[in-house]
Structure formats: structure tokens, C-alpha cells
Amino acid sequence: MLDQLTDKLARIAKTMRGQARLTEANTQEMLREIRVALLEADVALPVVREFIARVKDKTLGEEVVGSLTPGQALVGVVHRELTQLMGGDLDARERELNLATQPPAVILLAGLQGAGKTTTAAKLAKWLIDERKKKVLTVSTDVYRPAAIEQLRAVSSQAGAEFFPSATSDAPIAIAQRALDHARRHFFDVLIVDTAGRLAIDEAMMQEVAALEAAVQPIETLFVVDAMLGQDAVNTAKAFAERLPLTGVILTKLDGDARGGAALSVRHVTGKPIKFVGVAEKIGGLERFDPERMAGRVLGMGDIVALVEDVKKSIDVQAAEKLAKRMQSGERFDLNDFKEQVAQMRKMGGLGGLLDKLPAQFQQAAGRINEQDTDRQIRRLEGIINSMTPAERAKPELIKASRKRRIAAGSGVPVQEVNRLLNQFEQMQAMMKQMKRGGLAKMMRGLGGVKGALGGMPGLPKR
């Protein structure tokens, strides 16, 4: 997300070198570039004006200390102000999901049709189940959109939440009240109410969602908005904030837009904290929003905390420890191990999800990734390995020309694909040997080899 803004800010930082202080003269052009970058990222004009004024005020006279360049000092100021803009001035408790009420805690989701409310309801349910260990019930009051109720039933099942049935012939308020009564009688911790949307804001929709809010008295009324709407997201946010006592915002599809300026505008417009962001289509693709970490990602600093959290959720720790012990004991890294590493990478959302949270220089080292193509190629790798015999997976050196032809035929790929997989395996095997000899520090010094391995992955461009 915000890729264009990230790239432009990185170029700005490189242009300011060799000066001891940030002054009006040497920052005027840089501030103009930042202003253009924000507008191109679809950040609302009033937000841009206020932001640039704050950065200019904080920048003038800023000393360039230590080994920092003027560009780095400017990025430091921009980082602090971006953090403030996205809610860094709020108490951390205000950004938390509030469940401090007599159960069930009711969470109402409101927004336009297509914003992703139904999928977000299931993602939020899964987050509450996994992170807060809550018993969650979901209900749909969208009696207008075809298959909306069945969609919520399906995704709630994927999330591990229970679903309260409703019908298109029912009144939305009656549905919500029955669901609330059911949640009370069956001791649910949380009830998530998915409301109807429209293709555009209209008075009937606003009256209905306001009546729903009054009927169920939610402790959290969350505005769900599509980050790809750009300027329209700001107008929508204003309309909902005027009619509903919003407690927070959920930004969806933040991974699907290179501009993503809504992330920098919506909090400012509504005055409410962004509590979650949708970062992937998968049911676990919901992250708590942290202004400082998001500012770091905008500026190309990465989000290592989020990366570590993804790894902890996705990686089989016992399998990883077992592999580490085997490598330390002198056992070889074979194609069974390689297949397991590929599967773990797919669990984390593929290389795209991984690199999005790394600092910009690491992303640049790997080139631009076609996410769909990468996932398809990862599955192809697994198919090729599955076409091998146990002996071939344990001893890849057995795989000569005739075996390659048989493996290619069994997996439905050309022989060249088998050769490419074996080359990638050899690169990974060399990395494992390097880690064993010198540990992680030596591996990082050999980053060029890693870059080569990434560049050789099918679906990734060679540099």
C-alpha cells in the first residue's frame, strides 16, 4: 500500500545531502514534493495542507545530528507527523477494541456496499476468537443484497464463529434484537452485527443504520471503509460520522491500492481512531492498526513487529526447531525440507506478504512481485516435489535426465521447470550451509546470495 508515496519520499531523502541544518531554503522544494506525493496518494487536500504546515513548523531549525543526512532528518520529522496524523496523539487504550461491558458486547459494522463489511465481520470474529479467546456470534441484517446472509454464514464458519440465521423477509431491527436475545441466553461474549450498505449514501440507509444502532446499543460502532475509494472515502466518512456515534474505523483492502490515501485522511476527518486494517483476502487478514508502525511502512522503514507476528502465527515452531537441530547435527537439507519451507512461505501469504513488511531496501532487492503468479508457482513447486519418489526427495543427486522427464510428466510441467526447481533447491541448500558455518550474521553479509535466490523464484523478475 502507498507504494508511490513510499518511493517518492525515499527519493526526496536522497536529494538532501551535505547540509548541517534544515532551513526554509533547503526544505521548500522537498515540502513541495511531499505535498505532491500526498495528493497523488489521494490524501484529502485539507489534510495535506495541515500536514505540510505542521512538518514545516517542526522542520525549520532542526539540527542534523550525528551521522544523519538532512534527508534522513526530514524523514524523521515526516515520520513523527505521519504518526500523529494517523492517531499517534491518542491514548493507546482509545485504539483498543472496547469490550468492557456486560456480555454480550455488541459490535455494529456500518459502511457502503462493497466496502467489505461482511468479510470484515468474519475476520474480526476470527481475531476475537484467536487473540481474545471470545465466544462470538455473528448476524446479518442485510436483507437487500442477494446472498448477503449466506455469505456471512459461510465466512463465519471459516472463522470458527457461530452464525444467527435470518431471512430477507425479516425486518433488520427485529433480526438484530432476536440475535441479541439469543446471544444473552447462550452466553456469547460478543455479537457482531453486519448491516446493509448501498452503492452510495442515501437517507433511507442512514436512517436504518441509525435505528439499528439505537435498538442494540453497541459498545463499538465501527465504520468500515474501502481504502481504494480515495477521496470518496473521506466524503463517506464524513456522512457516517455525522449520523452515527462512531467509535472507530476499519480500513479494508489496504493491500490492493498503491495510493491508499484514505489511511491518512479518514482518522483526521472522523476524529475517530483507526482500529483495524484489512491486509489480505484470507480470513486471517486483519491487523490491529498502529500509527507509528504504519508510518514506518509508508516511509519504507518496514514493519518488523507485524512481520514477527505473522511468523509466530504461521510458522510451525516445533518443525522449525526440529529442522534446526538436524542441520546442526550435520544432516543434509533435502527436498522434503525444501518443500516444507515452501509450504511455510505460502502460509505467511507468500513472498508479497513477507516483503511488504520489510524495509524498502530489502523489497527492492527482491524486485517487484506478481502475487497471484507467485502463489501459482509455489503450488507448482509443491506439485513437482510430490511427483518425486521418497528416495529422490532424500537424495536429489539421483535425479538425472530420465528421472527429470518422468517427474515433469507426472507433475504436468516442462523439464525446464524441474531443472529450475533443482537450481533453487541448491541455492537454498547453500544458504543453509552458510547459516550453519557462520550463523545469521554471516548470512546477512551474504545478502547478495539471498537476492539471487529470490530473483530465481518462478514469477519473480531477475535483476
Protein backbone atom coordinates (compact mmCIF):
# COMPACT_ATOMS: atom_id res chain seq x y z
CA MET A 1 0.00 0.00 0.00
CA LEU A 2 1.02 3.63 -0.57
CA ASP A 3 3.85 2.34 -2.77
CA GLN A 4 4.08 5.52 -4.86
CA LEU A 5 4.28 7.72 -1.77
CA THR A 6 6.92 5.45 -0.23
CA ASP A 7 9.07 5.56 -3.37
CA LYS A 8 8.78 9.34 -3.73
CA LEU A 9 9.70 10.01 -0.09
CA ALA A 10 12.73 7.73 -0.45
CA ARG A 11 13.91 9.77 -3.45
CA ILE A 12 13.36 13.04 -1.56
CA ALA A 13 15.58 11.87 1.30
CA LYS A 14 18.41 11.09 -1.13
CA THR A 15 18.43 14.58 -2.66
CA MET A 16 19.36 16.42 0.56
CA ARG A 17 23.00 15.84 1.40
CA GLY A 18 25.88 17.75 2.92
CA GLN A 19 24.00 20.41 4.90
CA ALA A 20 24.17 20.87 8.66
CA ARG A 21 20.69 22.27 9.26
CA LEU A 22 17.21 22.04 7.79
CA THR A 23 16.23 25.54 6.67
CA GLU A 24 13.40 27.10 4.72
CA ALA A 25 15.64 27.31 1.67
CA ASN A 26 16.70 23.67 1.59
CA THR A 27 13.32 22.22 2.60
CA GLN A 28 10.95 24.30 0.47
CA GLU A 29 11.40 22.11 -2.61
CA MET A 30 11.25 18.95 -0.52
CA LEU A 31 7.99 20.04 1.12
CA ARG A 32 6.53 20.77 -2.31
CA GLU A 33 7.47 17.25 -3.41
CA ILE A 34 5.90 15.76 -0.28
CA ARG A 35 2.73 17.78 -0.92
CA VAL A 36 2.51 16.45 -4.49
CA ALA A 37 3.21 12.90 -3.30
CA LEU A 38 0.40 13.06 -0.73
CA LEU A 39 -2.09 14.46 -3.23
CA GLU A 40 -1.17 11.77 -5.75
CA ALA A 41 -1.76 9.21 -3.00
CA ASP A 42 -5.36 10.51 -2.74
CA VAL A 43 -4.90 12.17 0.64
CA ALA A 44 -7.61 14.81 1.16
CA LEU A 45 -6.49 18.38 0.36
CA PRO A 46 -7.34 19.88 3.80
CA VAL A 47 -5.38 17.06 5.43
CA VAL A 48 -2.40 17.72 3.14
CA ARG A 49 -2.40 21.45 3.90
CA GLU A 50 -2.46 20.93 7.64
CA PHE A 51 0.16 18.18 7.46
CA ILE A 52 2.61 20.24 5.38
CA ALA A 53 2.18 23.21 7.74
CA ARG A 54 2.99 21.02 10.74
CA VAL A 55 6.03 19.46 9.05
CA LYS A 56 7.34 22.88 8.00
CA ASP A 57 6.91 24.25 11.51
CA LYS A 58 8.73 21.28 13.07
CA THR A 59 11.43 21.12 10.38
CA LEU A 60 12.84 24.67 10.38
CA GLY A 61 15.94 24.84 12.53
CA GLU A 62 16.06 21.09 13.07
CA GLU A 63 19.68 20.17 13.72
CA VAL A 64 21.20 17.39 11.63
CA VAL A 65 22.98 15.44 14.35
CA GLY A 66 25.40 12.56 14.31
CA SER A 67 25.61 10.62 11.06
CA LEU A 68 22.18 11.71 9.82
CA THR A 69 21.83 13.41 6.45
CA PRO A 70 19.39 16.33 6.05
CA GLY A 71 17.13 14.00 4.09
CA GLN A 72 17.10 11.50 6.95
CA ALA A 73 16.37 14.27 9.43
CA LEU A 74 13.43 15.41 7.27
CA VAL A 75 12.13 11.85 7.06
CA GLY A 76 12.32 11.71 10.86
CA VAL A 77 10.08 14.75 11.14
CA VAL A 78 7.69 13.38 8.49
CA HIS A 79 7.55 10.06 10.35
CA ARG A 80 6.58 11.74 13.62
CA GLU A 81 3.91 13.87 11.93
CA LEU A 82 2.51 10.92 9.96
CA THR A 83 2.23 9.02 13.23
CA GLN A 84 0.32 11.93 14.78
CA LEU A 85 -1.91 12.27 11.72
CA MET A 86 -2.96 8.61 11.90
CA GLY A 87 -3.75 8.69 15.62
CA GLY A 88 -0.42 8.70 17.41
CA ASP A 89 -1.69 11.53 19.60
CA LEU A 90 -4.38 9.25 21.06
CA ASP A 91 -4.01 7.17 24.18
CA ALA A 92 -3.27 3.55 23.23
CA ARG A 93 -6.43 2.47 25.05
CA GLU A 94 -8.54 4.56 22.66
CA ARG A 95 -7.20 2.47 19.75
CA GLU A 96 -8.11 -0.78 21.53
CA LEU A 97 -11.36 -2.64 20.81
CA ASN A 98 -13.56 -1.90 23.82
CA LEU A 99 -15.36 -4.95 25.24
CA ALA A 100 -15.76 -3.63 28.77
CA THR A 101 -19.48 -4.19 29.19
CA GLN A 102 -21.93 -6.81 30.40
CA PRO A 103 -21.75 -9.63 27.82
CA PRO A 104 -22.56 -9.83 25.07
CA ALA A 105 -20.56 -6.86 23.81
CA VAL A 106 -22.29 -5.70 20.63
CA ILE A 107 -20.13 -4.54 17.70
CA LEU A 108 -22.01 -2.83 14.83
CA LEU A 109 -20.33 -2.59 11.42
CA ALA A 110 -21.52 0.21 9.10
CA GLY A 111 -20.39 1.34 5.66
CA LEU A 112 -21.18 1.39 1.95
CA GLN A 113 -21.90 -1.71 -0.11
CA GLY A 114 -18.65 -3.18 -1.39
CA ALA A 115 -16.55 -1.84 1.48
CA GLY A 116 -16.04 -5.39 2.72
CA LYS A 117 -18.26 -5.34 5.82
CA THR A 118 -19.32 -8.99 5.61
CA THR A 119 -15.80 -10.33 5.15
CA THR A 120 -14.57 -7.93 7.84
CA ALA A 121 -17.24 -9.26 10.25
CA ALA A 122 -15.77 -12.75 9.87
CA LYS A 123 -12.18 -11.51 10.08
CA LEU A 124 -13.00 -9.59 13.26
CA ALA A 125 -14.72 -12.68 14.69
CA LYS A 126 -11.62 -14.76 14.00
CA TRP A 127 -9.39 -12.12 15.59
CA LEU A 128 -11.59 -12.09 18.72
CA ILE A 129 -11.57 -15.89 18.88
CA ASP A 130 -7.81 -16.25 18.35
CA GLU A 131 -6.49 -13.21 20.19
CA ARG A 132 -9.08 -12.58 22.90
CA LYS A 133 -10.44 -16.15 23.30
CA LYS A 134 -14.02 -14.93 22.98
CA LYS A 135 -17.20 -16.82 22.08
CA VAL A 136 -18.53 -14.91 19.08
CA LEU A 137 -21.93 -14.79 17.36
CA THR A 138 -22.48 -13.05 14.01
CA VAL A 139 -25.72 -11.88 12.41
CA SER A 140 -26.60 -10.23 9.09
CA THR A 141 -29.27 -7.54 8.89
CA ASP A 142 -28.62 -7.03 5.16
CA VAL A 143 -31.97 -8.14 3.74
CA TYR A 144 -31.43 -6.30 0.42
CA ARG A 145 -28.25 -7.70 -1.15
CA PRO A 146 -28.66 -11.12 -2.77
CA ALA A 147 -26.85 -13.88 -0.88
CA ALA A 148 -25.55 -11.48 1.80
CA ILE A 149 -26.89 -13.65 4.61
CA GLU A 150 -25.45 -16.84 3.11
CA GLN A 151 -22.10 -15.12 2.59
CA LEU A 152 -21.86 -14.23 6.27
CA ARG A 153 -22.89 -17.78 7.21
CA ALA A 154 -20.06 -19.20 5.08
CA VAL A 155 -17.29 -16.85 6.23
CA SER A 156 -18.38 -17.11 9.88
CA SER A 157 -17.95 -20.87 9.64
CA GLN A 158 -14.43 -20.37 8.25
CA ALA A 159 -13.65 -18.06 11.17
CA GLY A 160 -14.93 -20.51 13.76
CA ALA A 161 -17.75 -18.19 14.89
CA GLU A 162 -21.41 -19.13 15.33
CA PHE A 163 -23.98 -17.62 12.99
CA PHE A 164 -27.51 -16.47 13.86
CA PRO A 165 -29.86 -17.20 10.93
CA SER A 166 -32.04 -14.52 9.36
CA ALA A 167 -34.22 -14.15 6.26
CA THR A 168 -34.75 -11.47 3.64
CA SER A 169 -38.41 -11.26 4.68
CA ASP A 170 -37.45 -10.14 8.22
CA ALA A 171 -37.10 -6.54 9.42
CA PRO A 172 -33.45 -5.59 10.17
CA ILE A 173 -34.18 -4.31 13.70
CA ALA A 174 -36.18 -7.45 14.55
CA ILE A 175 -33.28 -9.63 13.32
CA ALA A 176 -30.77 -7.74 15.46
CA GLN A 177 -32.97 -7.88 18.57
CA ARG A 178 -33.54 -11.64 18.21
CA ALA A 179 -29.81 -12.18 17.75
CA LEU A 180 -29.06 -10.12 20.86
CA ASP A 181 -31.59 -12.11 22.89
CA HIS A 182 -30.06 -15.38 21.61
CA ALA A 183 -26.53 -14.16 22.47
CA ARG A 184 -27.63 -13.34 26.03
CA ARG A 185 -29.38 -16.67 26.60
CA HIS A 186 -26.46 -18.70 25.22
CA PHE A 187 -23.70 -16.77 26.97
CA PHE A 188 -21.86 -15.33 24.00
CA ASP A 189 -19.10 -12.84 24.76
CA VAL A 190 -19.50 -10.80 21.55
CA LEU A 191 -22.25 -10.21 18.97
CA ILE A 192 -21.12 -8.78 15.61
CA VAL A 193 -23.94 -7.13 13.62
CA ASP A 194 -23.34 -6.81 9.87
CA THR A 195 -25.54 -4.05 8.43
CA ALA A 196 -26.77 -3.36 4.90
CA GLY A 197 -24.95 -0.97 2.64
CA ARG A 198 -25.86 0.88 -0.54
CA LEU A 199 -23.87 1.74 -3.65
CA ALA A 200 -23.98 5.35 -2.46
CA ILE A 201 -25.05 7.23 0.65
CA ASP A 202 -28.83 7.69 0.82
CA GLU A 203 -31.19 8.87 3.54
CA ALA A 204 -33.03 5.55 3.86
CA MET A 205 -29.79 3.69 4.57
CA MET A 206 -28.64 6.24 7.11
CA GLN A 207 -31.99 6.14 8.93
CA GLU A 208 -31.96 2.34 9.03
CA VAL A 209 -28.43 2.01 10.41
CA ALA A 210 -29.10 4.77 12.95
CA ALA A 211 -32.24 2.94 14.10
CA LEU A 212 -30.28 -0.31 14.39
CA GLU A 213 -27.64 1.42 16.47
CA ALA A 214 -30.31 2.80 18.81
CA ALA A 215 -32.00 -0.59 19.13
CA VAL A 216 -28.96 -2.72 20.07
CA GLN A 217 -26.84 -0.05 21.83
CA PRO A 218 -23.45 -1.34 20.59
CA ILE A 219 -20.34 -0.68 22.65
CA GLU A 220 -18.41 -0.36 19.37
CA THR A 221 -19.84 1.21 16.21
CA LEU A 222 -17.15 0.73 13.58
CA PHE A 223 -17.12 2.44 10.19
CA VAL A 224 -15.81 0.04 7.53
CA VAL A 225 -14.32 1.84 4.52
CA ASP A 226 -12.55 0.68 1.37
CA ALA A 227 -9.08 2.25 1.21
CA MET A 228 -9.28 2.17 -2.60
CA LEU A 229 -12.09 4.75 -2.63
CA GLY A 230 -9.58 7.59 -2.33
CA GLN A 231 -11.33 10.97 -1.99
CA ASP A 232 -14.76 9.29 -1.88
CA ALA A 233 -13.69 7.52 1.32
CA VAL A 234 -13.38 10.92 3.01
CA ASN A 235 -16.85 12.04 1.91
CA THR A 236 -18.37 8.76 3.07
CA ALA A 237 -16.57 9.01 6.40
CA LYS A 238 -17.99 12.50 6.97
CA ALA A 239 -21.56 11.34 6.26
CA PHE A 240 -21.39 8.39 8.65
CA ALA A 241 -19.62 10.36 11.39
CA GLU A 242 -22.40 12.96 11.29
CA ARG A 243 -25.19 10.39 11.72
CA LEU A 244 -23.66 7.70 13.93
CA PRO A 245 -21.77 7.78 17.24
CA LEU A 246 -18.75 6.10 15.67
CA THR A 247 -16.13 4.65 17.99
CA GLY A 248 -13.58 3.68 15.37
CA VAL A 249 -12.69 2.84 11.78
CA ILE A 250 -11.69 -0.34 9.94
CA LEU A 251 -9.83 0.24 6.66
CA THR A 252 -10.22 -2.62 4.17
CA LYS A 253 -8.28 -3.60 1.02
CA LEU A 254 -5.22 -1.69 2.14
CA ASP A 255 -3.10 -4.21 0.25
CA GLY A 256 -4.93 -3.57 -3.00
CA ASP A 257 -4.08 0.05 -3.74
CA ALA A 258 -0.72 1.70 -4.41
CA ARG A 259 -2.17 5.06 -3.30
CA GLY A 260 -4.16 4.25 -0.15
CA GLY A 261 -4.51 7.89 0.91
CA ALA A 262 -7.64 7.04 2.90
CA ALA A 263 -5.33 5.67 5.60
CA LEU A 264 -4.01 9.19 6.10
CA SER A 265 -7.34 11.02 5.78
CA VAL A 266 -10.13 9.06 7.45
CA ARG A 267 -8.89 9.38 11.01
CA HIS A 268 -8.45 13.14 10.56
CA VAL A 269 -11.94 13.56 9.06
CA THR A 270 -13.87 11.40 11.55
CA GLY A 271 -11.80 12.23 14.62
CA LYS A 272 -12.05 8.52 15.48
CA PRO A 273 -9.15 6.06 15.74
CA ILE A 274 -8.42 3.51 13.03
CA LYS A 275 -8.64 0.25 14.99
CA PHE A 276 -8.01 -2.40 12.32
CA VAL A 277 -6.83 -2.70 8.72
CA GLY A 278 -7.65 -5.44 6.24
CA VAL A 279 -4.42 -6.50 4.57
CA ALA A 280 -5.32 -9.71 2.71
CA GLU A 281 -8.31 -11.60 1.38
CA LYS A 282 -7.71 -14.60 3.65
CA ILE A 283 -9.85 -14.87 6.78
CA GLY A 284 -6.86 -14.07 8.99
CA GLY A 285 -6.02 -10.92 7.02
CA LEU A 286 -6.92 -8.38 9.71
CA GLU A 287 -4.31 -6.45 11.68
CA ARG A 288 -4.59 -4.07 14.59
CA PHE A 289 -3.70 -0.59 13.42
CA ASP A 290 -0.62 1.01 14.95
CA PRO A 291 0.05 4.59 13.74
CA GLU A 292 3.80 4.51 14.36
CA ARG A 293 4.29 1.19 12.61
CA MET A 294 2.08 2.26 9.69
CA ALA A 295 4.06 5.49 9.33
CA GLY A 296 7.20 3.37 9.17
CA ARG A 297 5.73 1.30 6.36
CA VAL A 298 4.69 4.44 4.43
CA LEU A 299 8.27 5.73 4.68
CA GLY A 300 9.78 2.42 3.57
CA MET A 301 11.07 1.52 7.04
CA GLY A 302 9.04 -1.69 7.09
CA ASP A 303 7.05 -3.17 9.94
CA ILE A 304 9.20 -5.82 11.55
CA VAL A 305 6.81 -6.17 14.51
CA ALA A 306 3.96 -7.17 12.17
CA LEU A 307 6.32 -9.50 10.31
CA VAL A 308 7.29 -11.27 13.54
CA GLU A 309 3.61 -11.55 14.49
CA ASP A 310 2.85 -13.12 11.10
CA VAL A 311 5.70 -15.57 11.53
CA LYS A 312 4.57 -16.56 15.02
CA LYS A 313 1.03 -17.20 13.77
CA SER A 314 2.05 -19.06 10.61
CA ILE A 315 5.21 -20.99 11.35
CA ASP A 316 5.22 -24.47 12.87
CA VAL A 317 7.74 -23.75 15.65
CA GLN A 318 8.30 -27.41 16.50
CA ALA A 319 9.03 -28.25 12.86
CA ALA A 320 11.43 -25.30 12.61
CA GLU A 321 13.28 -26.37 15.78
CA LYS A 322 13.47 -29.93 14.53
CA LEU A 323 14.98 -28.75 11.22
CA ALA A 324 17.49 -26.53 13.06
CA LYS A 325 18.63 -29.45 15.24
CA ARG A 326 19.01 -31.70 12.21
CA MET A 327 21.12 -29.10 10.42
CA GLN A 328 23.30 -28.61 13.49
CA SER A 329 23.83 -32.36 13.80
CA GLY A 330 25.23 -32.47 10.30
CA GLU A 331 22.23 -33.83 8.41
CA ARG A 332 21.66 -32.63 4.88
CA PHE A 333 18.97 -30.21 3.81
CA ASP A 334 16.92 -32.25 1.32
CA LEU A 335 13.91 -31.73 -0.93
CA ASN A 336 11.50 -32.76 1.84
CA ASP A 337 12.85 -29.84 3.89
CA PHE A 338 12.66 -27.56 0.85
CA LYS A 339 9.01 -28.49 0.33
CA GLU A 340 8.27 -27.72 3.98
CA GLN A 341 9.89 -24.27 3.66
CA VAL A 342 7.80 -23.54 0.54
CA ALA A 343 4.63 -24.57 2.41
CA GLN A 344 5.51 -22.31 5.34
CA MET A 345 6.06 -19.39 2.98
CA ARG A 346 2.59 -19.95 1.48
CA LYS A 347 1.07 -19.95 4.98
CA MET A 348 2.55 -16.49 5.57
CA GLY A 349 0.77 -15.15 2.49
CA GLY A 350 3.60 -15.71 0.02
CA LEU A 351 6.63 -13.55 -0.67
CA GLY A 352 4.45 -10.49 -1.32
CA GLY A 353 3.03 -10.53 2.21
CA LEU A 354 6.50 -11.09 3.63
CA LEU A 355 8.33 -8.38 1.71
CA ASP A 356 5.58 -5.78 2.24
CA LYS A 357 6.62 -5.61 5.90
CA LEU A 358 10.37 -5.46 5.25
CA PRO A 359 12.29 -2.17 4.87
CA ALA A 360 12.32 -0.75 1.35
CA GLN A 361 15.88 -1.77 0.55
CA PHE A 362 15.02 -5.45 1.06
CA GLN A 363 11.90 -5.10 -1.07
CA GLN A 364 13.97 -3.53 -3.84
CA ALA A 365 16.48 -6.39 -3.60
CA ALA A 366 13.72 -8.86 -4.43
CA GLY A 367 12.20 -6.84 -7.26
CA ARG A 368 8.51 -6.43 -7.94
CA ILE A 369 6.36 -9.46 -7.21
CA ASN A 370 3.26 -10.64 -9.02
CA GLU A 371 1.37 -12.07 -6.02
CA GLN A 372 -1.03 -14.29 -7.96
CA ASP A 373 1.73 -15.65 -10.17
CA THR A 374 3.95 -16.29 -7.16
CA ASP A 375 1.24 -18.31 -5.38
CA ARG A 376 0.62 -20.32 -8.55
CA GLN A 377 4.33 -21.04 -8.91
CA ILE A 378 4.66 -22.07 -5.26
CA ARG A 379 1.89 -24.63 -5.81
CA ARG A 380 3.68 -25.80 -8.93
CA LEU A 381 6.87 -26.34 -6.92
CA GLU A 382 4.95 -28.50 -4.47
CA GLY A 383 3.43 -30.47 -7.36
CA ILE A 384 6.87 -31.19 -8.84
CA ILE A 385 8.25 -32.38 -5.49
CA ASN A 386 5.17 -34.55 -4.91
CA SER A 387 5.90 -36.30 -8.24
CA MET A 388 9.28 -37.46 -6.93
CA THR A 389 9.90 -40.74 -5.13
CA PRO A 390 10.88 -40.71 -1.43
CA ALA A 391 14.41 -41.69 -2.45
CA GLU A 392 14.66 -38.79 -4.91
CA ARG A 393 13.46 -36.28 -2.33
CA ALA A 394 16.01 -37.57 0.19
CA LYS A 395 18.86 -37.72 -2.38
CA PRO A 396 18.31 -35.13 -5.12
CA GLU A 397 21.58 -36.12 -6.79
CA LEU A 398 19.75 -39.25 -8.05
CA ILE A 399 17.62 -37.07 -10.32
CA LYS A 400 19.20 -37.40 -13.78
CA ALA A 401 17.73 -36.88 -17.26
CA SER A 402 15.32 -39.86 -17.37
CA ARG A 403 14.03 -39.18 -13.85
CA LYS A 404 13.54 -35.49 -14.71
CA ARG A 405 11.38 -36.47 -17.70
CA ARG A 406 9.27 -38.78 -15.52
CA ILE A 407 8.85 -36.11 -12.80
CA ALA A 408 7.94 -33.47 -15.40
CA ALA A 409 5.30 -35.76 -16.94
CA GLY A 410 3.88 -36.65 -13.53
CA SER A 411 3.51 -33.01 -12.49
CA GLY A 412 2.38 -31.70 -15.89
CA VAL A 413 5.28 -29.26 -16.41
CA PRO A 414 8.18 -28.97 -18.88
CA VAL A 415 11.53 -30.50 -17.91
CA GLN A 416 12.92 -26.94 -17.67
CA GLU A 417 10.65 -26.35 -14.64
CA VAL A 418 12.17 -29.37 -12.89
CA ASN A 419 15.67 -28.05 -13.63
CA ARG A 420 14.68 -24.63 -12.27
CA LEU A 421 13.35 -26.16 -9.05
CA LEU A 422 16.57 -28.12 -8.55
CA ASN A 423 18.61 -24.94 -9.06
CA GLN A 424 16.51 -23.12 -6.46
CA PHE A 425 16.93 -26.05 -4.08
CA GLU A 426 20.71 -25.91 -4.48
CA GLN A 427 20.68 -22.18 -3.66
CA MET A 428 18.59 -22.82 -0.53
CA GLN A 429 20.88 -25.70 0.44
CA ALA A 430 23.89 -23.39 0.11
CA MET A 431 22.18 -20.82 2.34
CA MET A 432 21.56 -23.49 4.99
CA LYS A 433 25.23 -24.48 4.93
CA GLN A 434 26.22 -20.82 5.26
CA MET A 435 23.94 -20.36 8.28
CA LYS A 436 25.41 -23.47 9.90
CA ARG A 437 29.00 -22.31 9.42
CA GLY A 438 28.65 -18.68 10.46
CA GLY A 439 25.19 -18.09 11.86
CA LEU A 440 22.76 -15.37 10.92
CA ALA A 441 25.34 -12.56 10.79
CA LYS A 442 27.28 -14.29 8.04
CA MET A 443 24.08 -14.99 6.15
CA MET A 444 23.17 -11.29 6.26
CA ARG A 445 26.62 -10.41 4.91
CA GLY A 446 25.86 -12.77 2.08
CA LEU A 447 22.65 -10.98 1.22
CA GLY A 448 23.68 -10.96 -2.40
CA GLY A 449 23.15 -14.71 -2.46
CA VAL A 450 19.71 -14.31 -0.98
CA LYS A 451 18.90 -11.73 -3.62
CA GLY A 452 19.96 -14.21 -6.27
CA ALA A 453 17.79 -16.92 -4.78
CA LEU A 454 14.75 -14.63 -4.72
CA GLY A 455 15.40 -13.50 -8.24
CA GLY A 456 15.43 -17.12 -9.36
CA MET A 457 11.99 -17.91 -7.94
CA PRO A 458 9.43 -18.54 -10.68
CA GLY A 459 7.20 -15.50 -11.01
CA LEU A 460 9.90 -13.14 -9.74
CA PRO A 461 11.82 -10.89 -12.15
CA LYS A 462 15.54 -11.38 -12.46
CA ARG A 463 17.54 -8.30 -11.62
